[in-house]
PDB file of N, CA and C in Angstrom:
ATOM      1  N   MET A   1      -4.752   8.677  -2.937  1.00  0.00           N
ATOM      2  CA  MET A   1      -4.457   7.354  -2.424  1.00  0.00           C
ATOM      3  C   MET A   1      -5.767   6.573  -2.310  1.00  0.00           C
ATOM      4  N   ASP A   2      -5.659   5.274  -2.496  1.00  0.00           N
ATOM      5  CA  ASP A   2      -6.823   4.398  -2.448  1.00  0.00           C
ATOM      6  C   ASP A   2      -6.760   3.521  -1.204  1.00  0.00           C
ATOM      7  N   GLU A   3      -7.926   3.270  -0.605  1.00  0.00           N
ATOM      8  CA  GLU A   3      -7.992   2.365   0.538  1.00  0.00           C
ATOM      9  C   GLU A   3      -7.914   0.920   0.057  1.00  0.00           C
ATOM     10  N   VAL A   4      -7.096   0.134   0.728  1.00  0.00           N
ATOM     11  CA  VAL A   4      -7.009  -1.302   0.458  1.00  0.00           C
ATOM     12  C   VAL A   4      -7.070  -2.017   1.800  1.00  0.00           C
ATOM     13  N   SER A   5      -7.928  -3.023   1.872  1.00  0.00           N
ATOM     14  CA  SER A   5      -8.041  -3.839   3.083  1.00  0.00           C
ATOM     15  C   SER A   5      -7.345  -5.170   2.860  1.00  0.00           C
ATOM     16  N   CYS A   6      -6.638  -5.612   3.870  1.00  0.00           N
ATOM     17  CA  CYS A   6      -5.965  -6.905   3.817  1.00  0.00           C
ATOM     18  C   CYS A   6      -7.010  -8.013   3.784  1.00  0.00           C
ATOM     19  N   ARG A   7      -6.871  -8.914   2.837  1.00  0.00           N
ATOM     20  CA  ARG A   7      -7.824 -10.016   2.722  1.00  0.00           C
ATOM     21  C   ARG A   7      -7.624 -11.051   3.823  1.00  0.00           C
ATOM     22  N   SER A   8      -6.542 -10.942   4.562  1.00  0.00           N
ATOM     23  CA  SER A   8      -6.281 -11.885   5.651  1.00  0.00           C
ATOM     24  C   SER A   8      -6.893 -11.407   6.971  1.00  0.00           C
ATOM     25  N   CYS A   9      -6.590 -10.152   7.353  1.00  0.00           N
ATOM     26  CA  CYS A   9      -7.033  -9.673   8.670  1.00  0.00           C
ATOM     27  C   CYS A   9      -7.971  -8.476   8.613  1.00  0.00           C
ATOM     28  N   GLY A  10      -8.145  -7.866   7.427  1.00  0.00           N
ATOM     29  CA  GLY A  10      -9.055  -6.736   7.290  1.00  0.00           C
ATOM     30  C   GLY A  10      -8.445  -5.381   7.578  1.00  0.00           C
ATOM     31  N   THR A  11      -7.170  -5.331   7.953  1.00  0.00           N
ATOM     32  CA  THR A  11      -6.501  -4.063   8.198  1.00  0.00           C
ATOM     33  C   THR A  11      -6.570  -3.202   6.946  1.00  0.00           C
ATOM     34  N   CYS A  12      -6.903  -1.913   7.118  1.00  0.00           N
ATOM     35  CA  CYS A  12      -7.056  -1.005   5.982  1.00  0.00           C
ATOM     36  C   CYS A  12      -5.913   0.005   5.963  1.00  0.00           C
ATOM     37  N   VAL A  13      -5.298   0.183   4.788  1.00  0.00           N
ATOM     38  CA  VAL A  13      -4.223   1.152   4.588  1.00  0.00           C
ATOM     39  C   VAL A  13      -4.543   1.985   3.354  1.00  0.00           C
ATOM     40  N   LEU A  14      -3.796   3.066   3.167  1.00  0.00           N
ATOM     41  CA  LEU A  14      -3.906   3.877   1.957  1.00  0.00           C
ATOM     42  C   LEU A  14      -2.749   3.521   1.037  1.00  0.00           C
ATOM     43  N   VAL A  15      -3.048   3.372  -0.257  1.00  0.00           N
ATOM     44  CA  VAL A  15      -2.061   2.883  -1.220  1.00  0.00           C
ATOM     45  C   VAL A  15      -2.044   3.768  -2.453  1.00  0.00           C
ATOM     46  N   GLU A  16      -0.835   3.992  -2.981  1.00  0.00           N
ATOM     47  CA  GLU A  16      -0.679   4.629  -4.287  1.00  0.00           C
ATOM     48  C   GLU A  16       0.426   3.898  -5.035  1.00  0.00           C
ATOM     49  N   LYS A  17       0.155   3.558  -6.280  1.00  0.00           N
ATOM     50  CA  LYS A  17       1.137   2.878  -7.137  1.00  0.00           C
ATOM     51  C   LYS A  17       1.714   3.907  -8.098  1.00  0.00           C
ATOM     52  N   PHE A  18       3.033   4.001  -8.138  1.00  0.00           N
ATOM     53  CA  PHE A  18       3.705   4.911  -9.055  1.00  0.00           C
ATOM     54  C   PHE A  18       4.304   4.176 -10.242  1.00  0.00           C
ATOM     55  N   SER A  19       4.500   2.882 -10.105  1.00  0.00           N
ATOM     56  CA  SER A  19       4.997   2.022 -11.178  1.00  0.00           C
ATOM     57  C   SER A  19       4.751   0.594 -10.707  1.00  0.00           C
ATOM     58  N   PRO A  20       4.957  -0.392 -11.574  1.00  0.00           N
ATOM     59  CA  PRO A  20       4.780  -1.772 -11.107  1.00  0.00           C
ATOM     60  C   PRO A  20       5.679  -2.117  -9.911  1.00  0.00           C
ATOM     61  N   GLN A  21       6.834  -1.463  -9.803  1.00  0.00           N
ATOM     62  CA  GLN A  21       7.774  -1.761  -8.722  1.00  0.00           C
ATOM     63  C   GLN A  21       7.632  -0.838  -7.517  1.00  0.00           C
ATOM     64  N   HIS A  22       7.004   0.328  -7.677  1.00  0.00           N
ATOM     65  CA  HIS A  22       6.977   1.342  -6.623  1.00  0.00           C
ATOM     66  C   HIS A  22       5.562   1.507  -6.084  1.00  0.00           C
ATOM     67  N   THR A  23       5.392   1.130  -4.829  1.00  0.00           N
ATOM     68  CA  THR A  23       4.110   1.255  -4.152  1.00  0.00           C
ATOM     69  C   THR A  23       4.310   2.034  -2.865  1.00  0.00           C
ATOM     70  N   SER A  24       3.493   3.061  -2.666  1.00  0.00           N
ATOM     71  CA  SER A  24       3.518   3.819  -1.424  1.00  0.00           C
ATOM     72  C   SER A  24       2.357   3.344  -0.557  1.00  0.00           C
ATOM     73  N   VAL A  25       2.659   2.958   0.682  1.00  0.00           N
ATOM     74  CA  VAL A  25       1.638   2.478   1.609  1.00  0.00           C
ATOM     75  C   VAL A  25       1.666   3.364   2.846  1.00  0.00           C
ATOM     76  N   GLN A  26       0.515   3.920   3.183  1.00  0.00           N
ATOM     77  CA  GLN A  26       0.402   4.764   4.367  1.00  0.00           C
ATOM     78  C   GLN A  26      -0.365   3.989   5.440  1.00  0.00           C
ATOM     79  N   TRP A  27       0.327   3.723   6.536  1.00  0.00           N
ATOM     80  CA  TRP A  27      -0.252   2.974   7.653  1.00  0.00           C
ATOM     81  C   TRP A  27      -0.703   3.943   8.737  1.00  0.00           C
ATOM     82  N   SER A  28      -1.901   3.746   9.276  1.00  0.00           N
ATOM     83  CA  SER A  28      -2.320   4.477  10.470  1.00  0.00           C
ATOM     84  C   SER A  28      -1.786   3.715  11.685  1.00  0.00           C
ATOM     85  N   ARG A  29      -1.789   4.362  12.824  1.00  0.00           N
ATOM     86  CA  ARG A  29      -1.324   3.672  14.042  1.00  0.00           C
ATOM     87  C   ARG A  29      -2.199   2.460  14.341  1.00  0.00           C
ATOM     88  N   SER A  30      -3.513   2.630  14.168  1.00  0.00           N
ATOM     89  CA  SER A  30      -4.412   1.506  14.472  1.00  0.00           C
ATOM     90  C   SER A  30      -4.184   0.347  13.507  1.00  0.00           C
ATOM     91  N   ALA A  31      -3.889   0.643  12.243  1.00  0.00           N
ATOM     92  CA  ALA A  31      -3.612  -0.424  11.273  1.00  0.00           C
ATOM     93  C   ALA A  31      -2.332  -1.159  11.638  1.00  0.00           C
ATOM     94  N   MET A  32      -1.321  -0.420  12.069  1.00  0.00           N
ATOM     95  CA  MET A  32      -0.060  -1.058  12.458  1.00  0.00           C
ATOM     96  C   MET A  32      -0.256  -1.978  13.660  1.00  0.00           C
ATOM     97  N   ARG A  33      -1.100  -1.554  14.605  1.00  0.00           N
ATOM     98  CA  ARG A  33      -1.361  -2.392  15.782  1.00  0.00           C
ATOM     99  C   ARG A  33      -2.192  -3.618  15.420  1.00  0.00           C
ATOM    100  N   ALA A  34      -3.085  -3.472  14.434  1.00  0.00           N
ATOM    101  CA  ALA A  34      -4.003  -4.558  14.079  1.00  0.00           C
ATOM    102  C   ALA A  34      -3.360  -5.635  13.213  1.00  0.00           C
ATOM    103  N   CYS A  35      -2.318  -5.284  12.456  1.00  0.00           N
ATOM    104  CA  CYS A  35      -1.699  -6.240  11.537  1.00  0.00           C
ATOM    105  C   CYS A  35      -0.956  -7.325  12.317  1.00  0.00           C
ATOM    106  N   THR A  36      -1.349  -8.562  12.099  1.00  0.00           N
ATOM    107  CA  THR A  36      -0.729  -9.668  12.830  1.00  0.00           C
ATOM    108  C   THR A  36       0.706  -9.928  12.383  1.00  0.00           C
ATOM    109  N   GLU A  37       1.034  -9.645  11.118  1.00  0.00           N
ATOM    110  CA  GLU A  37       2.410  -9.865  10.638  1.00  0.00           C
ATOM    111  C   GLU A  37       3.352  -8.779  11.133  1.00  0.00           C
ATOM    112  N   LEU A  38       2.883  -7.520  11.190  1.00  0.00           N
ATOM    113  CA  LEU A  38       3.751  -6.427  11.639  1.00  0.00           C
ATOM    114  C   LEU A  38       4.020  -6.470  13.134  1.00  0.00           C
ATOM    115  N   SER A  39       3.205  -7.182  13.875  1.00  0.00           N
ATOM    116  CA  SER A  39       3.395  -7.213  15.322  1.00  0.00           C
ATOM    117  C   SER A  39       4.613  -8.040  15.733  1.00  0.00           C
ATOM    118  N   GLY A  40       5.170  -8.811  14.802  1.00  0.00           N
ATOM    119  CA  GLY A  40       6.358  -9.608  15.102  1.00  0.00           C
ATOM    120  C   GLY A  40       7.608  -8.750  15.148  1.00  0.00           C
ATOM    121  N   PRO A  41       8.600  -9.156  15.929  1.00  0.00           N
ATOM    122  CA  PRO A  41       9.837  -8.374  16.029  1.00  0.00           C
ATOM    123  C   PRO A  41      10.609  -8.365  14.711  1.00  0.00           C
ATOM    124  N   GLY A  42      11.089  -7.177  14.335  1.00  0.00           N
ATOM    125  CA  GLY A  42      11.916  -7.044  13.139  1.00  0.00           C
ATOM    126  C   GLY A  42      11.172  -7.152  11.824  1.00  0.00           C
ATOM    127  N   THR A  43       9.852  -7.203  11.859  1.00  0.00           N
ATOM    128  CA  THR A  43       9.071  -7.329  10.634  1.00  0.00           C
ATOM    129  C   THR A  43       8.651  -5.948  10.155  1.00  0.00           C
ATOM    130  N   HIS A  44       8.949  -5.645   8.889  1.00  0.00           N
ATOM    131  CA  HIS A  44       8.624  -4.332   8.340  1.00  0.00           C
ATOM    132  C   HIS A  44       7.697  -4.418   7.140  1.00  0.00           C
ATOM    133  N   THR A  45       7.153  -5.579   6.888  1.00  0.00           N
ATOM    134  CA  THR A  45       6.250  -5.742   5.755  1.00  0.00           C
ATOM    135  C   THR A  45       5.227  -6.821   6.085  1.00  0.00           C
ATOM    136  N   CYS A  46       4.145  -6.814   5.330  1.00  0.00           N
ATOM    137  CA  CYS A  46       3.094  -7.808   5.524  1.00  0.00           C
ATOM    138  C   CYS A  46       2.821  -8.466   4.172  1.00  0.00           C
ATOM    139  N   ALA A  47       3.170  -9.735   4.057  1.00  0.00           N
ATOM    140  CA  ALA A  47       2.999 -10.454   2.791  1.00  0.00           C
ATOM    141  C   ALA A  47       1.528 -10.555   2.394  1.00  0.00           C
ATOM    142  N   ALA A  48       0.649 -10.731   3.372  1.00  0.00           N
ATOM    143  CA  ALA A  48      -0.783 -10.833   3.070  1.00  0.00           C
ATOM    144  C   ALA A  48      -1.321  -9.517   2.518  1.00  0.00           C
ATOM    145  N   LEU A  49      -0.883  -8.398   3.095  1.00  0.00           N
ATOM    146  CA  LEU A  49      -1.321  -7.096   2.581  1.00  0.00           C
ATOM    147  C   LEU A  49      -0.738  -6.855   1.195  1.00  0.00           C
ATOM    148  N   ARG A  50       0.515  -7.234   0.989  1.00  0.00           N
ATOM    149  CA  ARG A  50       1.141  -7.082  -0.334  1.00  0.00           C
ATOM    150  C   ARG A  50       0.307  -7.801  -1.391  1.00  0.00           C
ATOM    151  N   GLU A  51      -0.124  -9.016  -1.099  1.00  0.00           N
ATOM    152  CA  GLU A  51      -0.962  -9.762  -2.042  1.00  0.00           C
ATOM    153  C   GLU A  51      -2.310  -9.074  -2.237  1.00  0.00           C
ATOM    154  N   SER A  52      -2.858  -8.509  -1.179  1.00  0.00           N
ATOM    155  CA  SER A  52      -4.129  -7.786  -1.292  1.00  0.00           C
ATOM    156  C   SER A  52      -3.981  -6.560  -2.186  1.00  0.00           C
ATOM    157  N   ILE A  53      -2.858  -5.855  -2.061  1.00  0.00           N
ATOM    158  CA  ILE A  53      -2.596  -4.692  -2.914  1.00  0.00           C
ATOM    159  C   ILE A  53      -2.431  -5.139  -4.358  1.00  0.00           C
ATOM    160  N   ASP A  54      -1.659  -6.188  -4.585  1.00  0.00           N
ATOM    161  CA  ASP A  54      -1.470  -6.700  -5.948  1.00  0.00           C
ATOM    162  C   ASP A  54      -2.806  -7.112  -6.569  1.00  0.00           C
ATOM    163  N   ALA A  55      -3.675  -7.740  -5.777  1.00  0.00           N
ATOM    164  CA  ALA A  55      -4.996  -8.139  -6.277  1.00  0.00           C
ATOM    165  C   ALA A  55      -5.840  -6.913  -6.612  1.00  0.00           C
ATOM    166  N   ALA A  56      -5.734  -5.857  -5.793  1.00  0.00           N
ATOM    167  CA  ALA A  56      -6.479  -4.623  -6.061  1.00  0.00           C
ATOM    168  C   ALA A  56      -5.997  -3.966  -7.349  1.00  0.00           C
ATOM    169  N   VAL A  57      -4.700  -4.027  -7.614  1.00  0.00           N
ATOM    170  CA  VAL A  57      -4.159  -3.482  -8.865  1.00  0.00           C
ATOM    171  C   VAL A  57      -4.655  -4.311 -10.047  1.00  0.00           C
ATOM    172  N   ARG A  58      -4.583  -5.629  -9.940  1.00  0.00           N
ATOM    173  CA  ARG A  58      -5.042  -6.496 -11.035  1.00  0.00           C
ATOM    174  C   ARG A  58      -6.520  -6.287 -11.353  1.00  0.00           C
ATOM    175  N   SER A  59      -7.327  -6.032 -10.327  1.00  0.00           N
ATOM    176  CA  SER A  59      -8.768  -5.860 -10.537  1.00  0.00           C
ATOM    177  C   SER A  59      -9.131  -4.452 -11.001  1.00  0.00           C
ATOM    178  N   GLY A  60      -8.172  -3.518 -10.936  1.00  0.00           N
ATOM    179  CA  GLY A  60      -8.434  -2.144 -11.353  1.00  0.00           C
ATOM    180  C   GLY A  60      -8.905  -1.230 -10.233  1.00  0.00           C
ATOM    181  N   ARG A  61      -9.028  -1.749  -9.008  1.00  0.00           N
ATOM    182  CA  ARG A  61      -9.433  -0.899  -7.879  1.00  0.00           C
ATOM    183  C   ARG A  61      -8.340   0.095  -7.505  1.00  0.00           C
ATOM    184  N   VAL A  62      -7.090  -0.258  -7.766  1.00  0.00           N
ATOM    185  CA  VAL A  62      -5.952   0.641  -7.575  1.00  0.00           C
ATOM    186  C   VAL A  62      -5.252   0.727  -8.914  1.00  0.00           C
ATOM    187  N   SER A  63      -5.048   1.952  -9.385  1.00  0.00           N
ATOM    188  CA  SER A  63      -4.379   2.116 -10.677  1.00  0.00           C
ATOM    189  C   SER A  63      -2.956   2.617 -10.463  1.00  0.00           C
ATOM    190  N   VAL A  64      -2.132   2.410 -11.467  1.00  0.00           N
ATOM    191  CA  VAL A  64      -0.763   2.924 -11.434  1.00  0.00           C
ATOM    192  C   VAL A  64      -0.828   4.387 -11.829  1.00  0.00           C
ATOM    193  N   SER A  65      -0.343   5.263 -10.938  1.00  0.00           N
ATOM    194  CA  SER A  65      -0.380   6.701 -11.192  1.00  0.00           C
ATOM    195  C   SER A  65       0.564   7.062 -12.324  1.00  0.00           C
ATOM    196  N   THR A  66       0.136   7.990 -13.133  1.00  0.00           N
ATOM    197  CA  THR A  66       1.021   8.575 -14.135  1.00  0.00           C
ATOM    198  C   THR A  66       1.176  10.033 -13.748  1.00  0.00           C
ATOM    199  N   ARG A  67       2.341  10.375 -13.314  1.00  0.00           N
ATOM    200  CA  ARG A  67       2.580  11.745 -12.855  1.00  0.00           C
ATOM    201  C   ARG A  67       2.761  12.669 -14.047  1.00  0.00           C
ATOM    202  N   ASP A  68       1.982  13.740 -14.065  1.00  0.00           N
ATOM    203  CA  ASP A  68       2.147  14.768 -15.078  1.00  0.00           C
ATOM    204  C   ASP A  68       3.101  15.845 -14.594  1.00  0.00           C
ATOM    205  N   VAL A  69       3.465  15.757 -13.331  1.00  0.00           N
ATOM    206  CA  VAL A  69       4.326  16.770 -12.737  1.00  0.00           C
ATOM    207  C   VAL A  69       5.616  16.098 -12.287  1.00  0.00           C
ATOM    208  N   ASP A  70       6.736  16.670 -12.659  1.00  0.00           N
ATOM    209  CA  ASP A  70       8.041  16.157 -12.266  1.00  0.00           C
ATOM    210  C   ASP A  70       8.459  16.844 -10.971  1.00  0.00           C
ATOM    211  N   VAL A  71       8.865  16.065  -9.996  1.00  0.00           N
ATOM    212  CA  VAL A  71       9.248  16.614  -8.700  1.00  0.00           C
ATOM    213  C   VAL A  71      10.369  17.639  -8.847  1.00  0.00           C
ATOM    214  N   ARG A  72      11.301  17.403  -9.746  1.00  0.00           N
ATOM    215  CA  ARG A  72      12.442  18.317  -9.907  1.00  0.00           C
ATOM    216  C   ARG A  72      12.036  19.672 -10.452  1.00  0.00           C
ATOM    217  N   THR A  73      10.862  19.769 -11.084  1.00  0.00           N
ATOM    218  CA  THR A  73      10.429  21.053 -11.640  1.00  0.00           C
ATOM    219  C   THR A  73       9.618  21.850 -10.634  1.00  0.00           C
ATOM    220  N   ARG A  74       9.498  21.328  -9.427  1.00  0.00           N
ATOM    221  CA  ARG A  74       8.771  21.995  -8.339  1.00  0.00           C
ATOM    222  C   ARG A  74       7.313  22.276  -8.701  1.00  0.00           C
ATOM    223  N   GLY A  75       6.692  21.309  -9.328  1.00  0.00           N
ATOM    224  CA  GLY A  75       5.269  21.407  -9.583  1.00  0.00           C
ATOM    225  C   GLY A  75       4.868  21.917 -10.947  1.00  0.00           C
ATOM    226  N   ARG A  76       5.817  22.381 -11.745  1.00  0.00           N
ATOM    227  CA  ARG A  76       5.460  22.836 -13.092  1.00  0.00           C
ATOM    228  C   ARG A  76       5.209  21.618 -13.962  1.00  0.00           C
ATOM    229  N   THR A  77       4.233  21.707 -14.829  1.00  0.00           N
ATOM    230  CA  THR A  77       3.903  20.597 -15.712  1.00  0.00           C
ATOM    231  C   THR A  77       5.027  20.344 -16.694  1.00  0.00           C
ATOM    232  N   VAL A  78       5.357  19.078 -16.884  1.00  0.00           N
ATOM    233  CA  VAL A  78       6.406  18.674 -17.811  1.00  0.00           C
ATOM    234  C   VAL A  78       5.754  18.317 -19.130  1.00  0.00           C
ATOM    235  N   ALA A  79       6.279  18.848 -20.206  1.00  0.00           N
ATOM    236  CA  ALA A  79       5.699  18.590 -21.533  1.00  0.00           C
ATOM    237  C   ALA A  79       6.045  17.214 -22.029  1.00  0.00           C
TER     238      ALA A  79
END
């Protein structure tokens, strides 16, 4: 996973891209408390962080993972 900081508030999260549509974001407790958008009621995403992640992908700082291992094979390499 790669560290990405929000360009709006500086909150840092861990990110992994599995496809253009699938992004895994790991939030620490301190990051969740620091994010100004997540502190609102009923909010489960941060648009500013999403844009920061997209910018990191465009710049090459975060790459789209290509899995050589299929989850269904329990870790065996797929040809």
